[in-house]
Amino acid sequence: MIVTLTVHPSLDRTVSIAEPLRVGEVQAASAAREDAGGKGINVARVIRAAGAESLAVLPLDPSDPFAAILAGADVPVRPVTVRGSTRANIAITDPAGETTKVNLPGVALAASDLDAIIDTVVDASRGARWLVLAGSLAPGLADDAYVRVIHAVRDRLGEAAPRIAVDTSGAALRAVVAEGRPDLIKPNDEELADLLEAELPAASDLAEAVHTAARALVPAAVGAALITLGGEGAVLVTADGGWAASPPPTRVRSTVGAGDSSLAGFLIADERGATPGGSLVSAIRYGSAAAALEGTQAPGPADLPTADIPVRELAR
């Protein structure tokens, strides 16, 4: 079982246009779709599509139309009752896969809402292998909200607590790294540089640069780091080593949710006992599959690229 928490869910509206975006002009859409989104929900959808068990925790108003869309996503959920409508995120994607996003603010949460979310997450995490805390924090939550979740899960469940993966950015990620000691973080290269408040070191390639940078965190502050690099693949850094892999040739239709699918692919493989290199390959396959789909569709096993994905070990 993999449990996810999304405190800032979204209705993802993806609009496809036949030509590159022309700012300030009127353009016709060639297609549009809506998906129940938010990073943790995306991860849960991919895990479910792979035939593994997942459970998504999120704040939700029972009268919100988002509830019906979420029900259609076939993801088991544990909602925490709040008042207000789920935000909408709008993505505009052109034929080259270039994506422009506009993210709206969501439902503001109070301290009492976070207390209820924490209680629900602790209960849902009993018997789970992984807990994924993913996405931006909802308005009203302090930067250390994820830290509070981590401490509560570990304090209340003790040795039975699941491993904890965090996929967020900015102040929320800095707080987690400073105070939460997560088992895994999943920044991209820009988020990693922002976390370290420094430019990536000079290196022969991007993978080498992020590997060197991540060594400032692993294992001193976090158990491991999965750093996604878009079209250049991903890097996995653990206490035991570092590995890099590049994606197979992919016709990119939408990059929205590709990082979430990469994290899901990693966790699916890890839960099934894969090696670090095997888990990294799974992350690459799922991320590439998501990028080849329109909108924020959850790739399933039939969508995964079958081309060989070599993994190279990075020198420490």
C-alpha atoms as a PDB file:
ATOM      1  CA  MET A   1       0.000   0.000   0.000  1.00  0.00           C
ATOM      2  CA  ILE A   2       1.200   3.493  -0.905  1.00  0.00           C
ATOM      3  CA  VAL A   3      -0.631   6.414   0.709  1.00  0.00           C
ATOM      4  CA  THR A   4      -0.529   9.905  -0.753  1.00  0.00           C
ATOM      5  CA  LEU A   5      -1.441  13.273   0.720  1.00  0.00           C
ATOM      6  CA  THR A   6      -2.509  16.175  -1.490  1.00  0.00           C
ATOM      7  CA  VAL A   7      -3.353  19.262   0.559  1.00  0.00           C
ATOM      8  CA  HIS A   8      -3.793  21.451  -2.546  1.00  0.00           C
ATOM      9  CA  PRO A   9      -5.738  19.335  -5.081  1.00  0.00           C
ATOM     10  CA  SER A  10      -6.783  20.682  -8.451  1.00  0.00           C
ATOM     11  CA  LEU A  11      -9.043  20.132 -11.405  1.00  0.00           C
ATOM     12  CA  ASP A  12      -6.514  19.973 -14.243  1.00  0.00           C
ATOM     13  CA  ARG A  13      -7.857  21.464 -17.468  1.00  0.00           C
ATOM     14  CA  THR A  14      -5.591  20.805 -20.437  1.00  0.00           C
ATOM     15  CA  VAL A  15      -6.195  22.722 -23.661  1.00  0.00           C
ATOM     16  CA  SER A  16      -4.373  21.617 -26.811  1.00  0.00           C
ATOM     17  CA  ILE A  17      -3.698  24.122 -29.595  1.00  0.00           C
ATOM     18  CA  ALA A  18      -2.585  23.377 -33.150  1.00  0.00           C
ATOM     19  CA  GLU A  19       0.097  26.081 -33.267  1.00  0.00           C
ATOM     20  CA  PRO A  20       2.560  27.624 -30.810  1.00  0.00           C
ATOM     21  CA  LEU A  21       0.967  29.884 -28.205  1.00  0.00           C
ATOM     22  CA  ARG A  22       0.665  33.488 -29.389  1.00  0.00           C
ATOM     23  CA  VAL A  23       0.400  35.723 -26.340  1.00  0.00           C
ATOM     24  CA  GLY A  24      -2.274  38.402 -26.656  1.00  0.00           C
ATOM     25  CA  GLU A  25      -4.050  36.745 -29.587  1.00  0.00           C
ATOM     26  CA  VAL A  26      -7.144  34.567 -29.988  1.00  0.00           C
ATOM     27  CA  GLN A  27      -6.473  30.939 -30.859  1.00  0.00           C
ATOM     28  CA  ALA A  28      -8.802  27.982 -31.331  1.00  0.00           C
ATOM     29  CA  ALA A  29      -8.326  24.847 -29.267  1.00  0.00           C
ATOM     30  CA  SER A  30      -7.949  21.529 -31.039  1.00  0.00           C
ATOM     31  CA  ALA A  31      -8.858  19.478 -27.955  1.00  0.00           C
ATOM     32  CA  ALA A  32      -9.503  19.781 -24.236  1.00  0.00           C
ATOM     33  CA  ARG A  33      -9.764  17.434 -21.264  1.00  0.00           C
ATOM     34  CA  GLU A  34     -10.254  17.524 -17.500  1.00  0.00           C
ATOM     35  CA  ASP A  35      -8.535  15.306 -14.958  1.00  0.00           C
ATOM     36  CA  ALA A  36      -8.617  15.055 -11.178  1.00  0.00           C
ATOM     37  CA  GLY A  37      -5.184  16.355 -10.258  1.00  0.00           C
ATOM     38  CA  GLY A  38      -2.773  17.504  -7.624  1.00  0.00           C
ATOM     39  CA  LYS A  39       0.592  15.795  -7.311  1.00  0.00           C
ATOM     40  CA  GLY A  40      -0.378  13.214  -4.706  1.00  0.00           C
ATOM     41  CA  ILE A  41      -3.554  12.304  -6.576  1.00  0.00           C
ATOM     42  CA  ASN A  42      -1.545  11.920  -9.782  1.00  0.00           C
ATOM     43  CA  VAL A  43       0.871   9.563  -8.020  1.00  0.00           C
ATOM     44  CA  ALA A  44      -2.020   7.524  -6.604  1.00  0.00           C
ATOM     45  CA  ARG A  45      -3.667   7.243 -10.034  1.00  0.00           C
ATOM     46  CA  VAL A  46      -0.499   5.880 -11.626  1.00  0.00           C
ATOM     47  CA  ILE A  47       0.042   3.383  -8.817  1.00  0.00           C
ATOM     48  CA  ARG A  48      -3.550   2.218  -9.147  1.00  0.00           C
ATOM     49  CA  ALA A  49      -3.195   1.852 -12.934  1.00  0.00           C
ATOM     50  CA  ALA A  50      -0.158  -0.383 -12.333  1.00  0.00           C
ATOM     51  CA  GLY A  51      -2.289  -2.766 -10.299  1.00  0.00           C
ATOM     52  CA  ALA A  52      -0.803  -1.774  -6.946  1.00  0.00           C
ATOM     53  CA  GLU A  53      -2.699  -0.515  -3.910  1.00  0.00           C
ATOM     54  CA  SER A  54      -2.936   3.201  -3.291  1.00  0.00           C
ATOM     55  CA  LEU A  55      -4.995   5.489  -1.070  1.00  0.00           C
ATOM     56  CA  ALA A  56      -5.259   9.239  -1.595  1.00  0.00           C
ATOM     57  CA  VAL A  57      -5.907  11.587   1.327  1.00  0.00           C
ATOM     58  CA  LEU A  58      -7.112  15.093   0.475  1.00  0.00           C
ATOM     59  CA  PRO A  59      -9.298  17.921   1.786  1.00  0.00           C
ATOM     60  CA  LEU A  60     -12.643  17.914  -0.016  1.00  0.00           C
ATOM     61  CA  ASP A  61     -15.995  19.637   0.251  1.00  0.00           C
ATOM     62  CA  PRO A  62     -18.698  16.937  -0.139  1.00  0.00           C
ATOM     63  CA  SER A  63     -20.696  19.286  -2.391  1.00  0.00           C
ATOM     64  CA  ASP A  64     -17.714  20.076  -4.651  1.00  0.00           C
ATOM     65  CA  PRO A  65     -18.212  18.857  -8.268  1.00  0.00           C
ATOM     66  CA  PHE A  66     -14.563  17.793  -8.109  1.00  0.00           C
ATOM     67  CA  ALA A  67     -15.713  14.821  -6.026  1.00  0.00           C
ATOM     68  CA  ALA A  68     -17.535  13.320  -9.022  1.00  0.00           C
ATOM     69  CA  ILE A  69     -14.508  13.768 -11.293  1.00  0.00           C
ATOM     70  CA  LEU A  70     -12.276  12.210  -8.652  1.00  0.00           C
ATOM     71  CA  ALA A  71     -14.650   9.255  -8.350  1.00  0.00           C
ATOM     72  CA  GLY A  72     -14.269   8.669 -12.086  1.00  0.00           C
ATOM     73  CA  ALA A  73     -10.495   8.402 -11.663  1.00  0.00           C
ATOM     74  CA  ASP A  74     -10.918   5.052  -9.880  1.00  0.00           C
ATOM     75  CA  VAL A  75      -8.655   5.956  -6.968  1.00  0.00           C
ATOM     76  CA  PRO A  76      -9.578   4.988  -3.392  1.00  0.00           C
ATOM     77  CA  VAL A  77      -9.740   8.213  -1.387  1.00  0.00           C
ATOM     78  CA  ARG A  78      -9.940   9.239   2.256  1.00  0.00           C
ATOM     79  CA  PRO A  79     -11.402  12.767   2.175  1.00  0.00           C
ATOM     80  CA  VAL A  80     -11.135  15.274   5.008  1.00  0.00           C
ATOM     81  CA  THR A  81     -14.192  17.527   5.026  1.00  0.00           C
ATOM     82  CA  VAL A  82     -13.552  21.214   4.335  1.00  0.00           C
ATOM     83  CA  ARG A  83     -15.634  24.022   2.850  1.00  0.00           C
ATOM     84  CA  GLY A  84     -14.879  25.490  -0.560  1.00  0.00           C
ATOM     85  CA  SER A  85     -14.369  24.476  -4.177  1.00  0.00           C
ATOM     86  CA  THR A  86     -11.219  22.791  -5.444  1.00  0.00           C
ATOM     87  CA  ARG A  87      -9.053  25.069  -7.583  1.00  0.00           C
ATOM     88  CA  ALA A  88      -8.549  24.660 -11.322  1.00  0.00           C
ATOM     89  CA  ASN A  89      -5.151  24.494 -13.008  1.00  0.00           C
ATOM     90  CA  ILE A  90      -5.057  25.376 -16.689  1.00  0.00           C
ATOM     91  CA  ALA A  91      -2.407  23.992 -19.036  1.00  0.00           C
ATOM     92  CA  ILE A  92      -2.036  25.013 -22.677  1.00  0.00           C
ATOM     93  CA  THR A  93      -0.043  22.556 -24.779  1.00  0.00           C
ATOM     94  CA  ASP A  94       1.170  23.106 -28.343  1.00  0.00           C
ATOM     95  CA  PRO A  95       2.128  20.444 -30.951  1.00  0.00           C
ATOM     96  CA  ALA A  96       5.782  20.474 -29.830  1.00  0.00           C
ATOM     97  CA  GLY A  97       4.758  19.582 -26.276  1.00  0.00           C
ATOM     98  CA  GLU A  98       5.550  23.050 -24.960  1.00  0.00           C
ATOM     99  CA  THR A  99       3.281  23.620 -21.973  1.00  0.00           C
ATOM    100  CA  THR A 100       2.143  26.901 -20.414  1.00  0.00           C
ATOM    101  CA  LYS A 101       0.445  26.596 -17.009  1.00  0.00           C
ATOM    102  CA  VAL A 102      -1.734  28.888 -14.938  1.00  0.00           C
ATOM    103  CA  ASN A 103      -2.331  27.579 -11.407  1.00  0.00           C
ATOM    104  CA  LEU A 104      -5.181  29.144  -9.438  1.00  0.00           C
ATOM    105  CA  PRO A 105      -5.263  29.413  -5.625  1.00  0.00           C
ATOM    106  CA  GLY A 106      -7.182  26.720  -3.805  1.00  0.00           C
ATOM    107  CA  VAL A 107      -9.242  26.369  -0.654  1.00  0.00           C
ATOM    108  CA  ALA A 108      -7.612  28.059   2.348  1.00  0.00           C
ATOM    109  CA  LEU A 109      -7.049  25.643   5.235  1.00  0.00           C
ATOM    110  CA  ALA A 110      -7.052  26.476   8.938  1.00  0.00           C
ATOM    111  CA  ALA A 111      -4.993  24.936  11.738  1.00  0.00           C
ATOM    112  CA  SER A 112      -7.970  22.759  12.661  1.00  0.00           C
ATOM    113  CA  ASP A 113      -8.127  21.460   9.078  1.00  0.00           C
ATOM    114  CA  LEU A 114      -4.469  20.449   9.229  1.00  0.00           C
ATOM    115  CA  ASP A 115      -5.073  18.682  12.549  1.00  0.00           C
ATOM    116  CA  ALA A 116      -7.867  16.653  10.927  1.00  0.00           C
ATOM    117  CA  ILE A 117      -5.685  15.901   7.897  1.00  0.00           C
ATOM    118  CA  ILE A 118      -2.861  14.683  10.137  1.00  0.00           C
ATOM    119  CA  ASP A 119      -5.209  12.373  12.054  1.00  0.00           C
ATOM    120  CA  THR A 120      -6.514  10.945   8.773  1.00  0.00           C
ATOM    121  CA  VAL A 121      -3.033  10.458   7.314  1.00  0.00           C
ATOM    122  CA  VAL A 122      -1.804   8.664  10.436  1.00  0.00           C
ATOM    123  CA  ASP A 123      -4.772   6.303  10.356  1.00  0.00           C
ATOM    124  CA  ALA A 124      -4.448   5.710   6.594  1.00  0.00           C
ATOM    125  CA  SER A 125      -0.712   4.992   6.927  1.00  0.00           C
ATOM    126  CA  ARG A 126      -1.127   1.989   9.199  1.00  0.00           C
ATOM    127  CA  GLY A 127       0.365  -0.928   7.291  1.00  0.00           C
ATOM    128  CA  ALA A 128       1.533   1.225   4.358  1.00  0.00           C
ATOM    129  CA  ARG A 129       4.995   0.866   2.823  1.00  0.00           C
ATOM    130  CA  TRP A 130       5.289   4.466   1.610  1.00  0.00           C
ATOM    131  CA  LEU A 131       3.625   7.779   2.424  1.00  0.00           C
ATOM    132  CA  VAL A 132       3.925  10.430  -0.276  1.00  0.00           C
ATOM    133  CA  LEU A 133       3.513  14.112   0.649  1.00  0.00           C
ATOM    134  CA  ALA A 134       3.191  15.895  -2.659  1.00  0.00           C
ATOM    135  CA  GLY A 135       2.421  19.281  -4.122  1.00  0.00           C
ATOM    136  CA  SER A 136       2.306  22.868  -2.974  1.00  0.00           C
ATOM    137  CA  LEU A 137       0.805  23.792   0.372  1.00  0.00           C
ATOM    138  CA  ALA A 138      -2.735  25.123   0.426  1.00  0.00           C
ATOM    139  CA  PRO A 139      -3.279  28.773   1.368  1.00  0.00           C
ATOM    140  CA  GLY A 140      -3.358  29.222   5.137  1.00  0.00           C
ATOM    141  CA  LEU A 141      -0.816  26.482   5.912  1.00  0.00           C
ATOM    142  CA  ALA A 142       2.577  27.303   7.396  1.00  0.00           C
ATOM    143  CA  ASP A 143       5.762  26.289   5.631  1.00  0.00           C
ATOM    144  CA  ASP A 144       6.318  23.461   8.140  1.00  0.00           C
ATOM    145  CA  ALA A 145       2.965  21.743   7.505  1.00  0.00           C
ATOM    146  CA  TYR A 146       4.602  18.685   5.930  1.00  0.00           C
ATOM    147  CA  VAL A 147       7.084  18.551   8.795  1.00  0.00           C
ATOM    148  CA  ARG A 148       4.176  18.323  11.215  1.00  0.00           C
ATOM    149  CA  VAL A 149       2.709  15.436   9.205  1.00  0.00           C
ATOM    150  CA  ILE A 150       6.031  13.585   9.179  1.00  0.00           C
ATOM    151  CA  HIS A 151       6.573  13.966  12.908  1.00  0.00           C
ATOM    152  CA  ALA A 152       3.014  12.882  13.730  1.00  0.00           C
ATOM    153  CA  VAL A 153       3.212   9.754  11.569  1.00  0.00           C
ATOM    154  CA  ARG A 154       6.542   8.696  13.031  1.00  0.00           C
ATOM    155  CA  ASP A 155       5.657   9.577  16.637  1.00  0.00           C
ATOM    156  CA  ARG A 156       2.301   7.778  16.570  1.00  0.00           C
ATOM    157  CA  LEU A 157       3.230   4.734  14.454  1.00  0.00           C
ATOM    158  CA  GLY A 158       6.792   4.232  15.663  1.00  0.00           C
ATOM    159  CA  GLU A 159       8.620   1.401  13.918  1.00  0.00           C
ATOM    160  CA  ALA A 160       5.464   0.624  11.930  1.00  0.00           C
ATOM    161  CA  ALA A 161       5.596   4.034  10.205  1.00  0.00           C
ATOM    162  CA  PRO A 162       5.982   3.917   6.426  1.00  0.00           C
ATOM    163  CA  ARG A 163       8.907   5.432   4.591  1.00  0.00           C
ATOM    164  CA  ILE A 164       8.132   8.991   3.586  1.00  0.00           C
ATOM    165  CA  ALA A 165       8.677  10.598   0.180  1.00  0.00           C
ATOM    166  CA  VAL A 166       8.220  14.334  -0.359  1.00  0.00           C
ATOM    167  CA  ASP A 167       7.669  16.087  -3.678  1.00  0.00           C
ATOM    168  CA  THR A 168       7.287  19.811  -3.130  1.00  0.00           C
ATOM    169  CA  SER A 169       9.403  22.929  -3.615  1.00  0.00           C
ATOM    170  CA  GLY A 170      10.393  26.289  -2.184  1.00  0.00           C
ATOM    171  CA  ALA A 171       9.956  27.027   1.501  1.00  0.00           C
ATOM    172  CA  ALA A 172       7.964  23.840   2.113  1.00  0.00           C
ATOM    173  CA  LEU A 173      10.811  21.680   0.791  1.00  0.00           C
ATOM    174  CA  ARG A 174      13.429  23.643   2.715  1.00  0.00           C
ATOM    175  CA  ALA A 175      11.465  23.069   5.936  1.00  0.00           C
ATOM    176  CA  VAL A 176      11.172  19.338   5.257  1.00  0.00           C
ATOM    177  CA  VAL A 177      14.889  18.965   4.590  1.00  0.00           C
ATOM    178  CA  ALA A 178      15.809  21.052   7.640  1.00  0.00           C
ATOM    179  CA  GLU A 179      13.462  19.379  10.132  1.00  0.00           C
ATOM    180  CA  GLY A 180      11.744  16.315   8.675  1.00  0.00           C
ATOM    181  CA  ARG A 181      14.489  13.965   7.484  1.00  0.00           C
ATOM    182  CA  PRO A 182      12.391  12.367   4.716  1.00  0.00           C
ATOM    183  CA  ASP A 183      13.406   9.037   3.226  1.00  0.00           C
ATOM    184  CA  LEU A 184      13.161  10.418  -0.318  1.00  0.00           C
ATOM    185  CA  ILE A 185      12.778  13.801  -1.990  1.00  0.00           C
ATOM    186  CA  LYS A 186      11.953  14.322  -5.673  1.00  0.00           C
ATOM    187  CA  PRO A 187      12.982  17.769  -6.875  1.00  0.00           C
ATOM    188  CA  ASN A 188      13.818  18.655 -10.446  1.00  0.00           C
ATOM    189  CA  ASP A 189      17.168  20.268 -11.159  1.00  0.00           C
ATOM    190  CA  GLU A 190      15.844  23.836 -10.738  1.00  0.00           C
ATOM    191  CA  GLU A 191      14.135  22.971  -7.451  1.00  0.00           C
ATOM    192  CA  LEU A 192      17.335  21.335  -6.207  1.00  0.00           C
ATOM    193  CA  ALA A 193      19.333  24.498  -6.951  1.00  0.00           C
ATOM    194  CA  ASP A 194      16.695  26.590  -5.204  1.00  0.00           C
ATOM    195  CA  LEU A 195      16.767  24.260  -2.206  1.00  0.00           C
ATOM    196  CA  LEU A 196      20.535  24.627  -1.917  1.00  0.00           C
ATOM    197  CA  GLU A 197      20.315  28.367  -2.655  1.00  0.00           C
ATOM    198  CA  ALA A 198      23.208  27.997  -5.083  1.00  0.00           C
ATOM    199  CA  GLU A 199      23.844  27.350  -8.740  1.00  0.00           C
ATOM    200  CA  LEU A 200      24.548  23.754  -9.676  1.00  0.00           C
ATOM    201  CA  PRO A 201      28.274  22.991  -9.705  1.00  0.00           C
ATOM    202  CA  ALA A 202      30.205  22.892 -12.945  1.00  0.00           C
ATOM    203  CA  ALA A 203      30.290  19.375 -14.380  1.00  0.00           C
ATOM    204  CA  SER A 204      30.595  17.496 -17.659  1.00  0.00           C
ATOM    205  CA  ASP A 205      26.829  17.104 -17.868  1.00  0.00           C
ATOM    206  CA  LEU A 206      23.655  17.919 -15.935  1.00  0.00           C
ATOM    207  CA  ALA A 207      23.469  14.490 -14.308  1.00  0.00           C
ATOM    208  CA  GLU A 208      26.950  14.893 -12.852  1.00  0.00           C
ATOM    209  CA  ALA A 209      26.077  18.391 -11.618  1.00  0.00           C
ATOM    210  CA  VAL A 210      22.918  17.391  -9.765  1.00  0.00           C
ATOM    211  CA  HIS A 211      24.643  14.323  -8.341  1.00  0.00           C
ATOM    212  CA  THR A 212      27.392  16.479  -6.873  1.00  0.00           C
ATOM    213  CA  ALA A 213      24.853  18.983  -5.543  1.00  0.00           C
ATOM    214  CA  ALA A 214      22.621  16.322  -3.994  1.00  0.00           C
ATOM    215  CA  ARG A 215      25.563  14.934  -2.046  1.00  0.00           C
ATOM    216  CA  ALA A 216      25.222  17.976   0.220  1.00  0.00           C
ATOM    217  CA  LEU A 217      21.870  16.501   1.335  1.00  0.00           C
ATOM    218  CA  VAL A 218      22.216  12.725   1.017  1.00  0.00           C
ATOM    219  CA  PRO A 219      22.508  11.086   3.505  1.00  0.00           C
ATOM    220  CA  ALA A 220      23.098  13.941   5.958  1.00  0.00           C
ATOM    221  CA  ALA A 221      19.577  15.392   5.731  1.00  0.00           C
ATOM    222  CA  VAL A 222      17.531  13.038   3.503  1.00  0.00           C
ATOM    223  CA  GLY A 223      17.691   9.323   2.851  1.00  0.00           C
ATOM    224  CA  ALA A 224      17.725   9.601  -0.936  1.00  0.00           C
ATOM    225  CA  ALA A 225      16.981  12.010  -3.771  1.00  0.00           C
ATOM    226  CA  LEU A 226      15.344  11.290  -7.118  1.00  0.00           C
ATOM    227  CA  ILE A 227      16.082  14.314  -9.301  1.00  0.00           C
ATOM    228  CA  THR A 228      14.110  14.550 -12.548  1.00  0.00           C
ATOM    229  CA  LEU A 229      15.754  16.318 -15.475  1.00  0.00           C
ATOM    230  CA  GLY A 230      12.958  16.531 -18.039  1.00  0.00           C
ATOM    231  CA  GLY A 231      14.161  15.368 -21.434  1.00  0.00           C
ATOM    232  CA  GLU A 232      17.571  14.480 -19.985  1.00  0.00           C
ATOM    233  CA  GLY A 233      16.192  11.777 -17.709  1.00  0.00           C
ATOM    234  CA  ALA A 234      16.731  11.452 -13.972  1.00  0.00           C
ATOM    235  CA  VAL A 235      19.358  10.874 -11.296  1.00  0.00           C
ATOM    236  CA  LEU A 236      19.029   8.773  -8.157  1.00  0.00           C
ATOM    237  CA  VAL A 237      21.302   9.539  -5.210  1.00  0.00           C
ATOM    238  CA  THR A 238      21.398   7.327  -2.114  1.00  0.00           C
ATOM    239  CA  ALA A 239      23.833   6.788   0.723  1.00  0.00           C
ATOM    240  CA  ASP A 240      25.295   3.891  -1.264  1.00  0.00           C
ATOM    241  CA  GLY A 241      25.780   5.529  -4.665  1.00  0.00           C
ATOM    242  CA  GLY A 242      24.424   7.556  -7.551  1.00  0.00           C
ATOM    243  CA  TRP A 243      22.909   6.503 -10.875  1.00  0.00           C
ATOM    244  CA  ALA A 244      21.740   8.336 -13.992  1.00  0.00           C
ATOM    245  CA  ALA A 245      19.530   7.299 -16.896  1.00  0.00           C
ATOM    246  CA  SER A 246      18.122   9.046 -19.959  1.00  0.00           C
ATOM    247  CA  PRO A 247      14.658   8.588 -21.498  1.00  0.00           C
ATOM    248  CA  PRO A 248      14.034   6.817 -24.793  1.00  0.00           C
ATOM    249  CA  PRO A 249      12.926   8.929 -27.788  1.00  0.00           C
ATOM    250  CA  THR A 250       9.497  10.307 -26.861  1.00  0.00           C
ATOM    251  CA  ARG A 251       6.936  12.370 -28.742  1.00  0.00           C
ATOM    252  CA  VAL A 252       6.021  14.816 -26.000  1.00  0.00           C
ATOM    253  CA  ARG A 253       2.347  15.798 -25.857  1.00  0.00           C
ATOM    254  CA  SER A 254       2.169  17.220 -22.326  1.00  0.00           C
ATOM    255  CA  THR A 255       4.733  17.509 -19.551  1.00  0.00           C
ATOM    256  CA  VAL A 256       2.047  18.063 -16.893  1.00  0.00           C
ATOM    257  CA  GLY A 257       2.229  15.235 -14.366  1.00  0.00           C
ATOM    258  CA  ALA A 258       5.344  13.628 -15.875  1.00  0.00           C
ATOM    259  CA  GLY A 259       7.355  14.187 -12.689  1.00  0.00           C
ATOM    260  CA  ASP A 260       4.526  12.729 -10.611  1.00  0.00           C
ATOM    261  CA  SER A 261       4.485   9.654 -12.837  1.00  0.00           C
ATOM    262  CA  SER A 262       8.260   9.341 -12.464  1.00  0.00           C
ATOM    263  CA  LEU A 263       7.905   9.284  -8.690  1.00  0.00           C
ATOM    264  CA  ALA A 264       5.087   6.738  -8.922  1.00  0.00           C
ATOM    265  CA  GLY A 265       7.164   4.543 -11.217  1.00  0.00           C
ATOM    266  CA  PHE A 266      10.056   4.650  -8.775  1.00  0.00           C
ATOM    267  CA  LEU A 267       7.851   3.694  -5.826  1.00  0.00           C
ATOM    268  CA  ILE A 268       6.098   0.909  -7.747  1.00  0.00           C
ATOM    269  CA  ALA A 269       9.446  -0.695  -8.570  1.00  0.00           C
ATOM    270  CA  ASP A 270      10.871  -0.131  -5.091  1.00  0.00           C
ATOM    271  CA  GLU A 271       7.844  -1.737  -3.454  1.00  0.00           C
ATOM    272  CA  ARG A 272       8.318  -4.751  -5.729  1.00  0.00           C
ATOM    273  CA  GLY A 273      11.917  -5.169  -4.598  1.00  0.00           C
ATOM    274  CA  ALA A 274      13.806  -3.636  -7.517  1.00  0.00           C
ATOM    275  CA  THR A 275      17.417  -2.513  -7.249  1.00  0.00           C
ATOM    276  CA  PRO A 276      18.125   1.242  -7.143  1.00  0.00           C
ATOM    277  CA  GLY A 277      19.001   1.128 -10.844  1.00  0.00           C
ATOM    278  CA  GLY A 278      15.840  -0.807 -11.621  1.00  0.00           C
ATOM    279  CA  SER A 279      13.725   1.679  -9.688  1.00  0.00           C
ATOM    280  CA  LEU A 280      15.356   4.526 -11.623  1.00  0.00           C
ATOM    281  CA  VAL A 281      14.567   2.826 -14.940  1.00  0.00           C
ATOM    282  CA  SER A 282      10.953   2.427 -13.829  1.00  0.00           C
ATOM    283  CA  ALA A 283      10.838   6.140 -12.987  1.00  0.00           C
ATOM    284  CA  ILE A 284      12.129   6.983 -16.482  1.00  0.00           C
ATOM    285  CA  ARG A 285       9.622   4.685 -18.188  1.00  0.00           C
ATOM    286  CA  TYR A 286       6.645   6.110 -16.320  1.00  0.00           C
ATOM    287  CA  GLY A 287       7.743   9.718 -16.761  1.00  0.00           C
ATOM    288  CA  SER A 288       8.256   9.216 -20.497  1.00  0.00           C
ATOM    289  CA  ALA A 289       4.887   7.495 -20.834  1.00  0.00           C
ATOM    290  CA  ALA A 290       3.128  10.385 -19.082  1.00  0.00           C
ATOM    291  CA  ALA A 291       4.818  12.942 -21.338  1.00  0.00           C
ATOM    292  CA  ALA A 292       3.553  11.051 -24.385  1.00  0.00           C
ATOM    293  CA  LEU A 293      -0.088  11.283 -23.206  1.00  0.00           C
ATOM    294  CA  GLU A 294      -2.387  14.284 -23.399  1.00  0.00           C
ATOM    295  CA  GLY A 295      -3.379  16.101 -20.219  1.00  0.00           C
ATOM    296  CA  THR A 296      -2.549  14.510 -16.896  1.00  0.00           C
ATOM    297  CA  GLN A 297      -3.585  10.995 -17.821  1.00  0.00           C
ATOM    298  CA  ALA A 298      -2.179   8.238 -15.647  1.00  0.00           C
ATOM    299  CA  PRO A 299       0.032   5.949 -17.724  1.00  0.00           C
ATOM    300  CA  GLY A 300      -0.499   2.245 -17.265  1.00  0.00           C
ATOM    301  CA  PRO A 301       1.749  -0.717 -18.069  1.00  0.00           C
ATOM    302  CA  ALA A 302       0.573  -0.774 -21.701  1.00  0.00           C
ATOM    303  CA  ASP A 303       1.741   2.831 -22.172  1.00  0.00           C
ATOM    304  CA  LEU A 304       5.315   2.259 -21.026  1.00  0.00           C
ATOM    305  CA  PRO A 305       8.121   2.507 -23.607  1.00  0.00           C
ATOM    306  CA  THR A 306       9.880  -0.797 -24.161  1.00  0.00           C
ATOM    307  CA  ALA A 307      13.224   0.508 -25.444  1.00  0.00           C
ATOM    308  CA  ASP A 308      16.299  -0.363 -23.432  1.00  0.00           C
ATOM    309  CA  ILE A 309      17.227   2.301 -20.844  1.00  0.00           C
ATOM    310  CA  PRO A 310      20.913   2.041 -19.876  1.00  0.00           C
ATOM    311  CA  VAL A 311      21.829   3.099 -16.353  1.00  0.00           C
ATOM    312  CA  ARG A 312      25.260   4.527 -15.576  1.00  0.00           C
ATOM    313  CA  GLU A 313      26.794   4.694 -12.143  1.00  0.00           C
ATOM    314  CA  LEU A 314      28.067   8.105 -11.078  1.00  0.00           C
ATOM    315  CA  ALA A 315      31.416   8.417  -9.348  1.00  0.00           C
ATOM    316  CA  ARG A 316      31.327   9.795  -5.819  1.00  0.00           C
END
